[in-house]
C-alpha atoms as a PDB file:
ATOM      1  CA  MET A   1     -18.239  -1.222  -0.106  1.00  0.00           C
ATOM      2  CA  MET A   2     -19.239   0.398  -3.390  1.00  0.00           C
ATOM      3  CA  ASP A   3     -20.339   3.984  -3.794  1.00  0.00           C
ATOM      4  CA  HIS A   4     -23.724   4.821  -5.302  1.00  0.00           C
ATOM      5  CA  LYS A   5     -22.267   4.687  -8.839  1.00  0.00           C
ATOM      6  CA  GLY A   6     -20.889   1.218  -8.263  1.00  0.00           C
ATOM      7  CA  GLU A   7     -17.307   2.431  -8.309  1.00  0.00           C
ATOM      8  CA  ARG A   8     -14.812   1.841  -5.468  1.00  0.00           C
ATOM      9  CA  SER A   9     -13.414   4.903  -3.752  1.00  0.00           C
ATOM     10  CA  LEU A  10     -10.805   5.808  -1.210  1.00  0.00           C
ATOM     11  CA  GLN A  11     -11.010   8.645   1.279  1.00  0.00           C
ATOM     12  CA  GLY A  12      -7.828  10.410   2.304  1.00  0.00           C
ATOM     13  CA  GLN A  13      -7.263  13.616   4.211  1.00  0.00           C
ATOM     14  CA  ASP A  14     -11.034  13.872   4.923  1.00  0.00           C
ATOM     15  CA  SER A  15     -12.056  14.004   1.254  1.00  0.00           C
ATOM     16  CA  VAL A  16     -13.274  11.349  -1.165  1.00  0.00           C
ATOM     17  CA  LEU A  17     -12.125  10.868  -4.736  1.00  0.00           C
ATOM     18  CA  ASN A  18     -13.424   8.123  -6.987  1.00  0.00           C
ATOM     19  CA  ARG A  19     -12.270   7.169 -10.443  1.00  0.00           C
ATOM     20  CA  ARG A  20     -15.070   8.927 -12.282  1.00  0.00           C
ATOM     21  CA  ASN A  21     -14.409  12.224 -10.470  1.00  0.00           C
ATOM     22  CA  PHE A  22     -10.643  11.908 -10.959  1.00  0.00           C
ATOM     23  CA  ILE A  23     -10.896  11.435 -14.693  1.00  0.00           C
ATOM     24  CA  ALA A  24     -13.260  14.371 -14.870  1.00  0.00           C
ATOM     25  CA  GLY A  25     -10.578  16.448 -13.175  1.00  0.00           C
ATOM     26  CA  ALA A  26     -12.668  17.242 -10.112  1.00  0.00           C
ATOM     27  CA  LEU A  27      -9.907  16.724  -7.565  1.00  0.00           C
ATOM     28  CA  ALA A  28     -11.139  16.930  -3.986  1.00  0.00           C
ATOM     29  CA  ALA A  29      -9.854  19.826  -1.866  1.00  0.00           C
ATOM     30  CA  GLY A  30      -6.530  18.994  -0.264  1.00  0.00           C
ATOM     31  CA  LEU A  31      -5.827  16.060  -2.615  1.00  0.00           C
ATOM     32  CA  ALA A  32      -4.439  17.843  -5.673  1.00  0.00           C
ATOM     33  CA  GLY A  33      -0.854  16.930  -6.429  1.00  0.00           C
ATOM     34  CA  SER A  34       0.239  20.412  -5.536  1.00  0.00           C
ATOM     35  CA  SER A  35      -1.382  20.256  -2.106  1.00  0.00           C
ATOM     36  CA  LEU A  36       1.026  19.368   0.650  1.00  0.00           C
ATOM     37  CA  PRO A  37       1.190  18.884   4.494  1.00  0.00           C
ATOM     38  CA  SER A  38      -0.304  21.485   6.993  1.00  0.00           C
ATOM     39  CA  GLY A  39       2.230  20.608   9.661  1.00  0.00           C
ATOM     40  CA  ALA A  40       4.792  22.330   7.521  1.00  0.00           C
ATOM     41  CA  ALA A  41       3.210  25.673   8.318  1.00  0.00           C
ATOM     42  CA  ALA A  42       5.742  25.828  11.115  1.00  0.00           C
ATOM     43  CA  ILE A  43       8.553  25.532   8.593  1.00  0.00           C
ATOM     44  CA  THR A  44      10.121  28.659   7.104  1.00  0.00           C
ATOM     45  CA  PRO A  45       9.217  28.655   3.418  1.00  0.00           C
ATOM     46  CA  ALA A  46      12.378  27.903   1.482  1.00  0.00           C
ATOM     47  CA  GLY A  47      11.220  28.168  -2.121  1.00  0.00           C
ATOM     48  CA  ARG A  48      13.223  26.449  -4.834  1.00  0.00           C
ATOM     49  CA  ALA A  49      16.782  25.602  -3.836  1.00  0.00           C
ATOM     50  CA  ASP A  50      19.502  27.816  -5.209  1.00  0.00           C
ATOM     51  CA  GLU A  51      20.983  25.558  -7.866  1.00  0.00           C
ATOM     52  CA  ALA A  52      24.279  27.457  -7.749  1.00  0.00           C
ATOM     53  CA  ALA A  53      24.694  26.296  -4.154  1.00  0.00           C
ATOM     54  CA  ILE A  54      24.173  22.642  -5.011  1.00  0.00           C
ATOM     55  CA  PRO A  55      27.355  20.625  -5.520  1.00  0.00           C
ATOM     56  CA  PRO A  56      27.989  19.636  -9.160  1.00  0.00           C
ATOM     57  CA  ALA A  57      27.766  15.975  -8.123  1.00  0.00           C
ATOM     58  CA  VAL A  58      23.992  16.336  -7.759  1.00  0.00           C
ATOM     59  CA  PRO A  59      22.226  15.384 -10.965  1.00  0.00           C
ATOM     60  CA  GLU A  60      20.101  18.152 -12.507  1.00  0.00           C
ATOM     61  CA  TRP A  61      16.873  16.191 -11.988  1.00  0.00           C
ATOM     62  CA  VAL A  62      17.652  16.015  -8.279  1.00  0.00           C
ATOM     63  CA  SER A  63      18.347  19.753  -7.943  1.00  0.00           C
ATOM     64  CA  LYS A  64      15.061  20.597  -9.653  1.00  0.00           C
ATOM     65  CA  LEU A  65      13.137  18.532  -7.085  1.00  0.00           C
ATOM     66  CA  GLN A  66      14.695  20.089  -4.013  1.00  0.00           C
ATOM     67  CA  PHE A  67      11.796  22.326  -3.184  1.00  0.00           C
ATOM     68  CA  GLN A  68      10.198  22.887   0.191  1.00  0.00           C
ATOM     69  CA  PRO A  69       6.583  24.022  -0.135  1.00  0.00           C
ATOM     70  CA  PRO A  70       5.443  27.077   1.882  1.00  0.00           C
ATOM     71  CA  VAL A  71       2.221  25.356   2.976  1.00  0.00           C
ATOM     72  CA  ARG A  72       0.896  21.797   3.104  1.00  0.00           C
ATOM     73  CA  ALA A  73      -2.750  20.800   3.484  1.00  0.00           C
ATOM     74  CA  GLY A  74      -3.974  17.592   5.100  1.00  0.00           C
ATOM     75  CA  PHE A  75      -0.802  16.314   6.703  1.00  0.00           C
ATOM     76  CA  THR A  76       0.819  17.052  10.083  1.00  0.00           C
ATOM     77  CA  ARG A  77       4.543  17.027  10.650  1.00  0.00           C
ATOM     78  CA  VAL A  78       5.299  14.429  13.323  1.00  0.00           C
ATOM     79  CA  PHE A  79       9.111  14.249  13.147  1.00  0.00           C
ATOM     80  CA  ASN A  80      11.940  16.596  12.152  1.00  0.00           C
ATOM     81  CA  PRO A  81      15.308  14.869  11.809  1.00  0.00           C
ATOM     82  CA  SER A  82      17.036  18.232  12.112  1.00  0.00           C
ATOM     83  CA  ASP A  83      16.002  18.641  15.729  1.00  0.00           C
ATOM     84  CA  GLY A  84      19.137  18.683  17.908  1.00  0.00           C
ATOM     85  CA  GLU A  85      21.411  18.908  14.834  1.00  0.00           C
ATOM     86  CA  LYS A  86      23.514  21.826  13.628  1.00  0.00           C
ATOM     87  CA  GLU A  87      22.738  21.025  10.008  1.00  0.00           C
ATOM     88  CA  SER A  88      19.469  20.546   8.144  1.00  0.00           C
ATOM     89  CA  TRP A  89      18.677  16.839   7.696  1.00  0.00           C
ATOM     90  CA  TYR A  90      16.018  15.130   5.684  1.00  0.00           C
ATOM     91  CA  ILE A  91      14.273  11.762   5.689  1.00  0.00           C
ATOM     92  CA  ASN A  92      13.146  10.284   2.377  1.00  0.00           C
ATOM     93  CA  ASP A  93      11.855   6.733   1.607  1.00  0.00           C
ATOM     94  CA  HIS A  94      11.036   5.143   4.942  1.00  0.00           C
ATOM     95  CA  CYS A  95       9.046   2.484   6.747  1.00  0.00           C
ATOM     96  CA  PHE A  96       7.329   1.869  10.087  1.00  0.00           C
ATOM     97  CA  ILE A  97       7.047  -1.244  12.232  1.00  0.00           C
ATOM     98  CA  GLN A  98       5.734  -1.817  15.735  1.00  0.00           C
ATOM     99  CA  ASP A  99       7.666  -4.110  18.106  1.00  0.00           C
ATOM    100  CA  ASP A 100       6.251  -6.556  20.697  1.00  0.00           C
ATOM    101  CA  SER A 101       6.127  -3.893  23.396  1.00  0.00           C
ATOM    102  CA  GLY A 102       4.052  -1.560  21.252  1.00  0.00           C
ATOM    103  CA  VAL A 103       6.897   0.830  20.424  1.00  0.00           C
ATOM    104  CA  TRP A 104       6.959   2.093  16.827  1.00  0.00           C
ATOM    105  CA  HIS A 105      10.223   2.102  14.886  1.00  0.00           C
ATOM    106  CA  LEU A 106      10.966   4.317  11.918  1.00  0.00           C
ATOM    107  CA  PHE A 107      13.745   3.605   9.387  1.00  0.00           C
ATOM    108  CA  GLY A 108      14.528   5.717   6.388  1.00  0.00           C
ATOM    109  CA  ILE A 109      16.951   7.222   3.878  1.00  0.00           C
ATOM    110  CA  THR A 110      18.598  10.242   5.426  1.00  0.00           C
ATOM    111  CA  GLY A 111      21.230  12.883   4.752  1.00  0.00           C
ATOM    112  CA  MET A 112      21.984  16.564   4.990  1.00  0.00           C
ATOM    113  CA  ASP A 113      20.274  19.103   2.748  1.00  0.00           C
ATOM    114  CA  PRO A 114      20.753  19.574  -0.127  1.00  0.00           C
ATOM    115  CA  ALA A 115      20.470  15.920  -1.035  1.00  0.00           C
ATOM    116  CA  VAL A 116      23.243  13.982  -2.756  1.00  0.00           C
ATOM    117  CA  PRO A 117      21.669  10.538  -3.346  1.00  0.00           C
ATOM    118  CA  ALA A 118      25.034   8.840  -3.965  1.00  0.00           C
ATOM    119  CA  LYS A 119      26.044   9.759  -0.389  1.00  0.00           C
ATOM    120  CA  GLU A 120      22.962   8.207   1.299  1.00  0.00           C
ATOM    121  CA  ARG A 121      24.951   5.437   3.011  1.00  0.00           C
ATOM    122  CA  PHE A 122      23.126   4.635   6.241  1.00  0.00           C
ATOM    123  CA  LEU A 123      19.566   4.655   7.563  1.00  0.00           C
ATOM    124  CA  LEU A 124      17.863   6.885  10.079  1.00  0.00           C
ATOM    125  CA  HIS A 125      16.407   5.039  13.085  1.00  0.00           C
ATOM    126  CA  ALA A 126      13.851   6.615  15.442  1.00  0.00           C
ATOM    127  CA  THR A 127      11.298   5.306  17.939  1.00  0.00           C
ATOM    128  CA  ALA A 128       7.999   6.548  19.362  1.00  0.00           C
ATOM    129  CA  PRO A 129       5.216   5.322  21.665  1.00  0.00           C
ATOM    130  CA  HIS A 130       2.693   6.281  18.929  1.00  0.00           C
ATOM    131  CA  LEU A 131       2.868   6.956  15.234  1.00  0.00           C
ATOM    132  CA  LEU A 132       2.143  10.606  15.961  1.00  0.00           C
ATOM    133  CA  GLY A 133       5.113  10.778  18.302  1.00  0.00           C
ATOM    134  CA  PRO A 134       6.987  12.008  20.074  1.00  0.00           C
ATOM    135  CA  TRP A 135       9.786  10.486  18.022  1.00  0.00           C
ATOM    136  CA  THR A 136      13.289   9.981  19.426  1.00  0.00           C
ATOM    137  CA  LYS A 137      16.214   9.826  16.997  1.00  0.00           C
ATOM    138  CA  HIS A 138      18.832   7.150  17.609  1.00  0.00           C
ATOM    139  CA  ALA A 139      22.195   6.258  16.090  1.00  0.00           C
ATOM    140  CA  PRO A 140      21.918   5.383  12.395  1.00  0.00           C
ATOM    141  CA  VAL A 141      21.885   1.753  11.335  1.00  0.00           C
ATOM    142  CA  MET A 142      22.843  -0.274   8.289  1.00  0.00           C
ATOM    143  CA  HIS A 143      25.970   1.604   7.219  1.00  0.00           C
ATOM    144  CA  VAL A 144      26.926   0.832   3.644  1.00  0.00           C
ATOM    145  CA  ASP A 145      29.110  -2.279   3.128  1.00  0.00           C
ATOM    146  CA  PRO A 146      31.417  -1.716   0.128  1.00  0.00           C
ATOM    147  CA  ALA A 147      32.887  -5.204   0.576  1.00  0.00           C
ATOM    148  CA  ALA A 148      29.398  -6.577  -0.178  1.00  0.00           C
ATOM    149  CA  GLY A 149      29.177  -4.471  -3.324  1.00  0.00           C
ATOM    150  CA  GLU A 150      27.011  -1.811  -1.757  1.00  0.00           C
ATOM    151  CA  THR A 151      27.293   1.840  -2.797  1.00  0.00           C
ATOM    152  CA  VAL A 152      24.231   3.242  -1.064  1.00  0.00           C
ATOM    153  CA  VAL A 153      21.616   2.159   1.501  1.00  0.00           C
ATOM    154  CA  TRP A 154      18.166   3.182   0.314  1.00  0.00           C
ATOM    155  CA  ALA A 155      14.472   2.709   0.901  1.00  0.00           C
ATOM    156  CA  PRO A 156      14.044   0.115   3.702  1.00  0.00           C
ATOM    157  CA  TYR A 157      10.959  -2.024   4.202  1.00  0.00           C
ATOM    158  CA  VAL A 158      10.674  -4.064   7.410  1.00  0.00           C
ATOM    159  CA  LEU A 159       8.296  -6.896   8.304  1.00  0.00           C
ATOM    160  CA  ARG A 160       8.163  -9.524  11.025  1.00  0.00           C
ATOM    161  CA  HIS A 161       8.101 -13.250  10.295  1.00  0.00           C
ATOM    162  CA  ASP A 162       9.190 -16.374  12.209  1.00  0.00           C
ATOM    163  CA  GLY A 163      10.461 -14.394  15.208  1.00  0.00           C
ATOM    164  CA  LEU A 164      12.748 -12.139  13.136  1.00  0.00           C
ATOM    165  CA  TYR A 165      12.483  -8.704  11.585  1.00  0.00           C
ATOM    166  CA  TRP A 166      13.303  -8.740   7.888  1.00  0.00           C
ATOM    167  CA  MET A 167      14.580  -5.563   6.241  1.00  0.00           C
ATOM    168  CA  PHE A 168      14.576  -5.278   2.463  1.00  0.00           C
ATOM    169  CA  TYR A 169      16.548  -2.372   1.017  1.00  0.00           C
ATOM    170  CA  CYS A 170      18.424  -1.111  -2.012  1.00  0.00           C
ATOM    171  CA  GLY A 171      22.177  -1.556  -1.778  1.00  0.00           C
ATOM    172  CA  GLY A 172      22.997   0.189  -5.072  1.00  0.00           C
ATOM    173  CA  GLY A 173      25.779  -1.061  -7.291  1.00  0.00           C
ATOM    174  CA  VAL A 174      28.700   0.040  -9.449  1.00  0.00           C
ATOM    175  CA  SER A 175      26.376   0.307 -12.452  1.00  0.00           C
ATOM    176  CA  ASP A 176      22.912   1.893 -12.516  1.00  0.00           C
ATOM    177  CA  THR A 177      21.824  -1.003 -14.694  1.00  0.00           C
ATOM    178  CA  ARG A 178      22.672  -3.554 -11.951  1.00  0.00           C
ATOM    179  CA  TYR A 179      21.308  -2.230  -8.676  1.00  0.00           C
ATOM    180  CA  ARG A 180      20.856  -4.677  -5.829  1.00  0.00           C
ATOM    181  CA  ILE A 181      17.843  -5.421  -3.657  1.00  0.00           C
ATOM    182  CA  ASN A 182      19.314  -6.760  -0.404  1.00  0.00           C
ATOM    183  CA  LEU A 183      18.116  -8.292   2.879  1.00  0.00           C
ATOM    184  CA  ALA A 184      19.132  -7.936   6.522  1.00  0.00           C
ATOM    185  CA  THR A 185      17.523  -9.516   9.590  1.00  0.00           C
ATOM    186  CA  SER A 186      17.321  -8.567  13.253  1.00  0.00           C
ATOM    187  CA  PRO A 187      15.961 -10.102  16.456  1.00  0.00           C
ATOM    188  CA  ASP A 188      15.198  -6.717  18.010  1.00  0.00           C
ATOM    189  CA  LEU A 189      15.178  -3.926  15.379  1.00  0.00           C
ATOM    190  CA  TRP A 190      18.484  -2.563  16.763  1.00  0.00           C
ATOM    191  CA  SER A 191      21.176  -4.918  15.490  1.00  0.00           C
ATOM    192  CA  TRP A 192      21.106  -6.051  11.871  1.00  0.00           C
ATOM    193  CA  THR A 193      22.819  -8.868   9.988  1.00  0.00           C
ATOM    194  CA  ARG A 194      23.055  -8.945   6.226  1.00  0.00           C
ATOM    195  CA  SER A 195      21.830 -12.107   4.529  1.00  0.00           C
ATOM    196  CA  PRO A 196      24.394 -14.402   2.908  1.00  0.00           C
ATOM    197  CA  ALA A 197      21.883 -14.736   0.070  1.00  0.00           C
ATOM    198  CA  ASN A 198      22.429 -11.079  -1.011  1.00  0.00           C
ATOM    199  CA  PRO A 199      21.790  -9.751  -3.515  1.00  0.00           C
ATOM    200  CA  LEU A 200      18.218 -11.073  -3.691  1.00  0.00           C
ATOM    201  CA  LEU A 201      17.663  -9.365  -7.026  1.00  0.00           C
ATOM    202  CA  ILE A 202      19.741  -7.352  -9.489  1.00  0.00           C
ATOM    203  CA  ASP A 203      18.025  -5.015 -11.900  1.00  0.00           C
ATOM    204  CA  GLY A 204      18.025  -1.494 -13.361  1.00  0.00           C
ATOM    205  CA  TYR A 205      17.708   1.340 -13.945  1.00  0.00           C
ATOM    206  CA  ASP A 206      18.492   1.974 -10.242  1.00  0.00           C
ATOM    207  CA  ALA A 207      16.168  -0.858  -9.082  1.00  0.00           C
ATOM    208  CA  ARG A 208      15.068   0.277  -5.645  1.00  0.00           C
ATOM    209  CA  ASP A 209      12.270   0.885  -3.153  1.00  0.00           C
ATOM    210  CA  PRO A 210      11.328  -2.701  -2.211  1.00  0.00           C
ATOM    211  CA  MET A 211       8.042  -3.490  -0.467  1.00  0.00           C
ATOM    212  CA  VAL A 212       6.893  -7.013   0.513  1.00  0.00           C
ATOM    213  CA  LEU A 213       3.335  -8.338   0.835  1.00  0.00           C
ATOM    214  CA  ARG A 214       1.998 -11.721   1.813  1.00  0.00           C
ATOM    215  CA  VAL A 215      -0.431 -12.979  -0.882  1.00  0.00           C
ATOM    216  CA  GLY A 216      -1.884 -16.357  -0.127  1.00  0.00           C
ATOM    217  CA  ALA A 217       0.868 -18.926   0.395  1.00  0.00           C
ATOM    218  CA  GLN A 218       3.634 -16.762  -1.140  1.00  0.00           C
ATOM    219  CA  TRP A 219       5.408 -13.493  -0.594  1.00  0.00           C
ATOM    220  CA  VAL A 220       5.480 -10.815  -3.283  1.00  0.00           C
ATOM    221  CA  LEU A 221       8.299  -8.294  -3.515  1.00  0.00           C
ATOM    222  CA  TYR A 222       7.472  -5.112  -5.404  1.00  0.00           C
ATOM    223  CA  TYR A 223      10.125  -2.621  -6.501  1.00  0.00           C
ATOM    224  CA  CYS A 224      10.712   0.367  -8.779  1.00  0.00           C
ATOM    225  CA  ALA A 225      12.738  -0.081 -11.965  1.00  0.00           C
ATOM    226  CA  THR A 226      12.646   0.528 -15.704  1.00  0.00           C
ATOM    227  CA  GLU A 227      11.371  -1.866 -18.337  1.00  0.00           C
ATOM    228  CA  HIS A 228      14.918  -2.697 -19.399  1.00  0.00           C
ATOM    229  CA  PRO A 229      18.012  -2.332 -17.148  1.00  0.00           C
ATOM    230  CA  ALA A 230      19.369   0.503 -19.263  1.00  0.00           C
ATOM    231  CA  GLY A 231      16.062   2.409 -19.268  1.00  0.00           C
ATOM    232  CA  GLY A 232      12.717   2.520 -20.971  1.00  0.00           C
ATOM    233  CA  HIS A 233       9.226   2.750 -19.522  1.00  0.00           C
ATOM    234  CA  HIS A 234       9.226   3.381 -15.797  1.00  0.00           C
ATOM    235  CA  VAL A 235       7.694   0.317 -14.155  1.00  0.00           C
ATOM    236  CA  VAL A 236       6.887  -1.498 -10.959  1.00  0.00           C
ATOM    237  CA  LYS A 237       8.148  -5.043 -10.977  1.00  0.00           C
ATOM    238  CA  ALA A 238       7.385  -7.982  -8.711  1.00  0.00           C
ATOM    239  CA  ALA A 239       8.984 -11.313  -7.770  1.00  0.00           C
ATOM    240  CA  THR A 240       7.657 -14.131  -5.595  1.00  0.00           C
ATOM    241  CA  SER A 241       9.123 -16.269  -2.838  1.00  0.00           C
ATOM    242  CA  SER A 242       8.125 -18.933  -0.320  1.00  0.00           C
ATOM    243  CA  ASP A 243      10.918 -18.130   2.157  1.00  0.00           C
ATOM    244  CA  LEU A 244      11.655 -14.363   1.823  1.00  0.00           C
ATOM    245  CA  THR A 245      15.160 -15.192   0.580  1.00  0.00           C
ATOM    246  CA  HIS A 246      14.916 -16.835  -2.841  1.00  0.00           C
ATOM    247  CA  TRP A 247      12.931 -14.824  -5.354  1.00  0.00           C
ATOM    248  CA  THR A 248      11.691 -15.931  -8.802  1.00  0.00           C
ATOM    249  CA  GLY A 249       9.030 -15.137 -11.380  1.00  0.00           C
ATOM    250  CA  ARG A 250      10.079 -11.531 -11.945  1.00  0.00           C
ATOM    251  CA  ARG A 251       7.470  -9.631 -13.930  1.00  0.00           C
ATOM    252  CA  ILE A 252       6.208  -6.105 -14.695  1.00  0.00           C
ATOM    253  CA  VAL A 253       3.002  -5.340 -12.767  1.00  0.00           C
ATOM    254  CA  PHE A 254       2.641  -1.679 -13.664  1.00  0.00           C
ATOM    255  CA  ARG A 255       3.997   0.148 -16.726  1.00  0.00           C
ATOM    256  CA  SER A 256       3.948   3.934 -16.892  1.00  0.00           C
ATOM    257  CA  PRO A 257       3.612   5.625 -20.292  1.00  0.00           C
ATOM    258  CA  LYS A 258       6.648   7.698 -19.307  1.00  0.00           C
ATOM    259  CA  VAL A 259      10.142   6.672 -20.474  1.00  0.00           C
ATOM    260  CA  GLY A 260      13.479   7.450 -18.843  1.00  0.00           C
ATOM    261  CA  THR A 261      16.167   6.336 -16.466  1.00  0.00           C
ATOM    262  CA  PHE A 262      16.634   8.304 -13.229  1.00  0.00           C
ATOM    263  CA  GLY A 263      13.642   9.099 -10.997  1.00  0.00           C
ATOM    264  CA  GLY A 264      10.341   8.653 -12.749  1.00  0.00           C
ATOM    265  CA  PRO A 265       6.690   8.149 -11.798  1.00  0.00           C
ATOM    266  CA  THR A 266       6.851   4.657 -10.288  1.00  0.00           C
ATOM    267  CA  GLU A 267       8.899   5.237  -7.123  1.00  0.00           C
ATOM    268  CA  SER A 268       8.099   3.963  -3.653  1.00  0.00           C
ATOM    269  CA  PRO A 269       5.535   1.304  -4.671  1.00  0.00           C
ATOM    270  CA  PHE A 270       3.303   0.247  -1.787  1.00  0.00           C
ATOM    271  CA  VAL A 271       0.479  -2.293  -2.088  1.00  0.00           C
ATOM    272  CA  VAL A 272      -2.508  -2.625   0.257  1.00  0.00           C
ATOM    273  CA  ALA A 273      -4.838  -5.638  -0.007  1.00  0.00           C
ATOM    274  CA  ARG A 274      -8.447  -5.008   1.028  1.00  0.00           C
ATOM    275  CA  ASN A 275     -11.675  -6.881   0.302  1.00  0.00           C
ATOM    276  CA  ASN A 276     -10.183  -8.838  -2.589  1.00  0.00           C
ATOM    277  CA  ARG A 277      -8.856  -5.663  -4.187  1.00  0.00           C
ATOM    278  CA  TYR A 278      -5.243  -4.487  -4.404  1.00  0.00           C
ATOM    279  CA  TYR A 279      -4.322  -0.816  -4.192  1.00  0.00           C
ATOM    280  CA  LEU A 280      -0.949   0.263  -5.609  1.00  0.00           C
ATOM    281  CA  PHE A 281       0.469   3.542  -4.285  1.00  0.00           C
ATOM    282  CA  VAL A 282       3.314   5.050  -6.352  1.00  0.00           C
ATOM    283  CA  CYS A 283       5.177   8.336  -6.052  1.00  0.00           C
ATOM    284  CA  THR A 284       5.031  10.092  -9.416  1.00  0.00           C
ATOM    285  CA  ASN A 285       7.421  13.041  -8.781  1.00  0.00           C
ATOM    286  CA  ASP A 286       5.066  15.127 -10.898  1.00  0.00           C
ATOM    287  CA  PRO A 287       4.995  17.295  -8.888  1.00  0.00           C
ATOM    288  CA  TYR A 288       7.510  16.077  -6.335  1.00  0.00           C
ATOM    289  CA  ASN A 289       4.881  15.623  -3.659  1.00  0.00           C
ATOM    290  CA  ASN A 290       2.389  13.484  -5.485  1.00  0.00           C
ATOM    291  CA  THR A 291       1.258   9.917  -5.023  1.00  0.00           C
ATOM    292  CA  ASP A 292      -1.162   8.175  -7.375  1.00  0.00           C
ATOM    293  CA  VAL A 293      -3.218   5.135  -6.288  1.00  0.00           C
ATOM    294  CA  TYR A 294      -4.379   2.404  -8.648  1.00  0.00           C
ATOM    295  CA  VAL A 295      -6.849  -0.427  -7.949  1.00  0.00           C
ATOM    296  CA  SER A 296      -6.921  -3.938  -9.358  1.00  0.00           C
ATOM    297  CA  ASP A 297      -8.447  -7.357  -8.710  1.00  0.00           C
ATOM    298  CA  SER A 298      -4.953  -8.858  -9.119  1.00  0.00           C
ATOM    299  CA  PRO A 299      -1.735  -8.286  -7.112  1.00  0.00           C
ATOM    300  CA  PHE A 300       0.189  -8.648 -10.414  1.00  0.00           C
ATOM    301  CA  HIS A 301      -1.399  -6.119 -12.727  1.00  0.00           C
ATOM    302  CA  TRP A 302      -2.415  -2.448 -12.598  1.00  0.00           C
ATOM    303  CA  ALA A 303      -3.119  -0.213 -15.556  1.00  0.00           C
ATOM    304  CA  PRO A 304      -2.634   3.588 -15.776  1.00  0.00           C
ATOM    305  CA  GLU A 305      -6.356   4.079 -16.350  1.00  0.00           C
ATOM    306  CA  ASP A 306      -7.137   2.342 -13.013  1.00  0.00           C
ATOM    307  CA  VAL A 307      -6.160   5.390 -10.960  1.00  0.00           C
ATOM    308  CA  VAL A 308      -8.574   6.147  -8.068  1.00  0.00           C
ATOM    309  CA  LEU A 309      -6.775   8.720  -5.975  1.00  0.00           C
ATOM    310  CA  ARG A 310      -4.126  11.427  -6.190  1.00  0.00           C
ATOM    311  CA  CYS A 311      -2.747  12.912  -2.985  1.00  0.00           C
ATOM    312  CA  GLY A 312       0.017  15.317  -2.076  1.00  0.00           C
ATOM    313  CA  ALA A 313       2.549  12.882  -0.648  1.00  0.00           C
ATOM    314  CA  HIS A 314       6.129  11.833  -1.485  1.00  0.00           C
ATOM    315  CA  ALA A 315       7.549   8.357  -0.725  1.00  0.00           C
ATOM    316  CA  ALA A 316       4.213   7.477   0.879  1.00  0.00           C
ATOM    317  CA  GLU A 317       3.856   4.524   3.234  1.00  0.00           C
ATOM    318  CA  VAL A 318       0.478   3.248   4.349  1.00  0.00           C
ATOM    319  CA  VAL A 319       0.174   2.135   7.961  1.00  0.00           C
ATOM    320  CA  ASP A 320      -2.602   0.088   9.557  1.00  0.00           C
ATOM    321  CA  ALA A 321      -2.320   1.188  13.193  1.00  0.00           C
ATOM    322  CA  GLY A 322      -5.077  -1.099  14.396  1.00  0.00           C
ATOM    323  CA  ASN A 323      -8.636  -0.416  15.545  1.00  0.00           C
ATOM    324  CA  GLY A 324      -9.578   0.906  12.153  1.00  0.00           C
ATOM    325  CA  ASN A 325      -6.919   3.629  12.252  1.00  0.00           C
ATOM    326  CA  TRP A 326      -5.031   4.078   8.986  1.00  0.00           C
ATOM    327  CA  PHE A 327      -2.359   6.622   8.125  1.00  0.00           C
ATOM    328  CA  ILE A 328      -0.478   7.711   5.035  1.00  0.00           C
ATOM    329  CA  SER A 329       2.955   9.321   5.305  1.00  0.00           C
ATOM    330  CA  SER A 330       4.997  11.801   3.340  1.00  0.00           C
ATOM    331  CA  ALA A 331       8.674  12.773   3.432  1.00  0.00           C
ATOM    332  CA  GLY A 332      11.474  13.729   1.039  1.00  0.00           C
ATOM    333  CA  TRP A 333      14.413  15.931   0.196  1.00  0.00           C
ATOM    334  CA  GLY A 334      14.105  19.417   1.591  1.00  0.00           C
ATOM    335  CA  GLN A 335      10.655  18.729   3.074  1.00  0.00           C
ATOM    336  CA  GLY A 336      11.470  19.449   6.719  1.00  0.00           C
ATOM    337  CA  GLY A 337      10.737  16.007   8.091  1.00  0.00           C
ATOM    338  CA  LEU A 338       8.065  13.303   8.208  1.00  0.00           C
ATOM    339  CA  TYR A 339       4.351  13.939   7.865  1.00  0.00           C
ATOM    340  CA  LEU A 340       1.236  11.865   8.562  1.00  0.00           C
ATOM    341  CA  SER A 341      -2.387  12.098   7.507  1.00  0.00           C
ATOM    342  CA  ASN A 342      -5.415   9.998   8.383  1.00  0.00           C
ATOM    343  CA  LEU A 343      -6.490   7.644   5.617  1.00  0.00           C
ATOM    344  CA  THR A 344     -10.130   6.503   5.540  1.00  0.00           C
ATOM    345  CA  TRP A 345     -11.331   3.690   3.346  1.00  0.00           C
ATOM    346  CA  SER A 346     -14.837   3.653   1.893  1.00  0.00           C
ATOM    347  CA  ASP A 347     -14.621   0.214   0.262  1.00  0.00           C
END
């Protein structure tokens, strides 16, 4: 539904922010980009990582982002991948899916702190009876396959179709300008088989973070990239398919004013379709824990001025848990685990 000004709004973390208020700078309490999860109150504040202790292999832009906030508002920590481990582990870009028995499965980028992205070569797998837990960590899945041209295993997205689970992920590549979006399938969410059609897409700079949405009679795959393989404006691109395997019609659907290569403000794209509107969630990395939400009447175009919400989340996923219950997640390097917040729609 519309608000009294005729503008659509989203409510997250028990506060509402519409486009007019956002542009005016009146950010609702708990939604400012510097506001981060309350569940982390149980985490010892770490402050900014000591750059001298970070291996030289870590790019400077990575080391600057490895910051664990001392307090987070609006989110609750539901899973800590370090539990039961001798070392400190993180979970970054991730996804959720519920199996036929009602059990929730979590897959995500993982590694030991401090993060070295080039060494993220398998995915965390955990299960829980409810999104809020308790979560049980299992053996990792999808170990990198160098013979298939993979150098990393990043940012999974899993959906169910035709009796199979389909996992889309970034497999990296020998050149940042030719990163691969790959596919694996599973009958049970435990054993995975890579598709002979891999790579589904090749793009740069570090094309990654795939997410797939059914739109009418076709599938749309969204991913993070730059305007040109060697760099340029940070963008979200999309391709379409009728069978989840063969993808065509690649196009830019969101172009940030910012220019660069690594990182950028268009990571972790996630699209929600509601009431003939399409909401694009992107992680801006400015600050690290910040997700902007854009609204459009089309699943193939969003503009920077169409922002309707800013919330303190990194690598956010949006989960429809049924019965009107929606959640938004947050995770990342040095963040102490996975966090969830209620998400309430007022459209």
